[in-house]
Amino acid sequence: MVLAVNPELLVIGGPNAQRADLFLESFSSRLAELCPLMPEIKVSALGSDAVLVGTITLALGALRRGLWAAIDSRNSFPMARPALREVPL
């Protein structure tokens, strides 16, 4: 996958992040043998919560977009103030 995508950064996350100290050195060495352009390797600080945090972030973004679409498409809602719409998650 690294050879096909060629990322600059490879993040070890999920349950693997908790035990990265056990395999990171051998993983990095093997990856260096296979990849002509070695990515930087980091271990996620989120650990096993990485998937959960990502899922919640995506769900909140979809909810926010859906709510704004509903507000924009209905005359029964008061006009949204632009400053409120630009506040990031």
Protein backbone atom coordinates (compact mmCIF):
# COMPACT_ATOMS: atom_id res chain seq x y z
CA MET A 1 0.00 0.00 0.00
CA VAL A 2 2.83 2.41 0.84
CA LEU A 3 4.42 1.80 -2.55
CA ALA A 4 1.14 2.44 -4.38
CA VAL A 5 0.13 5.58 -2.50
CA ASN A 6 3.56 7.05 -1.63
CA PRO A 7 2.60 8.94 1.54
CA GLU A 8 4.96 11.28 3.34
CA LEU A 9 3.64 10.12 6.70
CA LEU A 10 2.54 6.69 7.86
CA VAL A 11 0.58 6.66 11.13
CA ILE A 12 0.34 3.51 13.22
CA GLY A 13 -3.02 3.70 14.97
CA GLY A 14 -5.80 1.73 16.57
CA PRO A 15 -4.92 -1.20 18.83
CA ASN A 16 -1.52 -1.51 17.11
CA ALA A 17 -0.44 1.85 18.53
CA GLN A 18 -0.53 0.50 22.08
CA ARG A 19 2.11 -2.13 21.25
CA ALA A 20 4.12 -0.21 18.66
CA ASP A 21 7.24 -0.44 20.83
CA LEU A 22 7.24 -4.20 20.20
CA PHE A 23 7.33 -4.06 16.39
CA LEU A 24 8.14 -0.52 15.25
CA GLU A 25 11.89 -1.01 14.80
CA SER A 26 11.59 -4.20 12.71
CA PHE A 27 8.61 -2.76 10.79
CA SER A 28 10.59 0.39 9.93
CA SER A 29 13.61 -1.63 8.83
CA ARG A 30 11.56 -3.89 6.57
CA LEU A 31 9.67 -0.94 5.12
CA ALA A 32 12.97 0.82 4.35
CA GLU A 33 14.06 -2.26 2.36
CA LEU A 34 10.87 -2.16 0.27
CA CYS A 35 10.27 1.56 -0.24
CA PRO A 36 12.49 3.76 -2.39
CA LEU A 37 11.04 6.85 -0.66
CA MET A 38 10.68 6.06 3.01
CA PRO A 39 7.75 7.81 4.74
CA GLU A 40 8.03 9.24 8.22
CA ILE A 41 6.46 6.81 10.71
CA LYS A 42 4.55 8.08 13.74
CA VAL A 43 2.48 6.34 16.39
CA SER A 44 -0.97 7.82 16.97
CA ALA A 45 -1.58 9.29 20.40
CA LEU A 46 -5.25 8.27 20.13
CA GLY A 47 -4.41 4.58 20.50
CA SER A 48 -7.41 2.28 20.29
CA ASP A 49 -9.79 5.27 20.29
CA ALA A 50 -8.60 6.43 16.84
CA VAL A 51 -11.38 4.69 14.92
CA LEU A 52 -14.02 5.92 17.37
CA VAL A 53 -12.79 9.52 17.23
CA GLY A 54 -12.69 9.42 13.42
CA THR A 55 -16.19 7.96 13.22
CA ILE A 56 -17.61 10.59 15.56
CA THR A 57 -15.87 13.38 13.63
CA LEU A 58 -17.31 12.15 10.32
CA ALA A 59 -20.79 11.75 11.83
CA LEU A 60 -20.76 15.25 13.33
CA GLY A 61 -19.63 16.71 10.00
CA ALA A 62 -22.46 14.92 8.16
CA LEU A 63 -24.95 16.09 10.77
CA ARG A 64 -23.75 19.67 10.51
CA ARG A 65 -23.98 19.61 6.69
CA GLY A 66 -27.45 18.07 6.86
CA LEU A 67 -28.71 20.63 9.34
CA TRP A 68 -27.37 23.53 7.28
CA ALA A 69 -28.92 22.07 4.13
CA ALA A 70 -32.28 21.82 5.94
CA ILE A 71 -31.99 25.40 7.20
CA ASP A 72 -31.00 26.70 3.76
CA SER A 73 -33.83 24.88 1.97
CA ARG A 74 -36.75 25.80 4.24
CA ASN A 75 -38.40 29.14 4.59
CA SER A 76 -39.61 28.27 8.08
CA PHE A 77 -36.13 28.57 9.56
CA PRO A 78 -34.75 32.01 10.34
CA MET A 79 -31.85 33.15 8.17
CA ALA A 80 -28.55 31.70 9.33
CA ARG A 81 -25.85 34.15 10.28
CA PRO A 82 -22.70 33.55 8.18
CA ALA A 83 -20.39 33.83 11.20
CA LEU A 84 -22.08 30.79 12.79
CA ARG A 85 -21.70 28.70 9.66
CA GLU A 86 -17.94 29.18 9.48
CA VAL A 87 -17.13 27.88 12.97
CA PRO A 88 -15.09 24.67 12.54
CA LEU A 89 -15.79 21.51 14.53
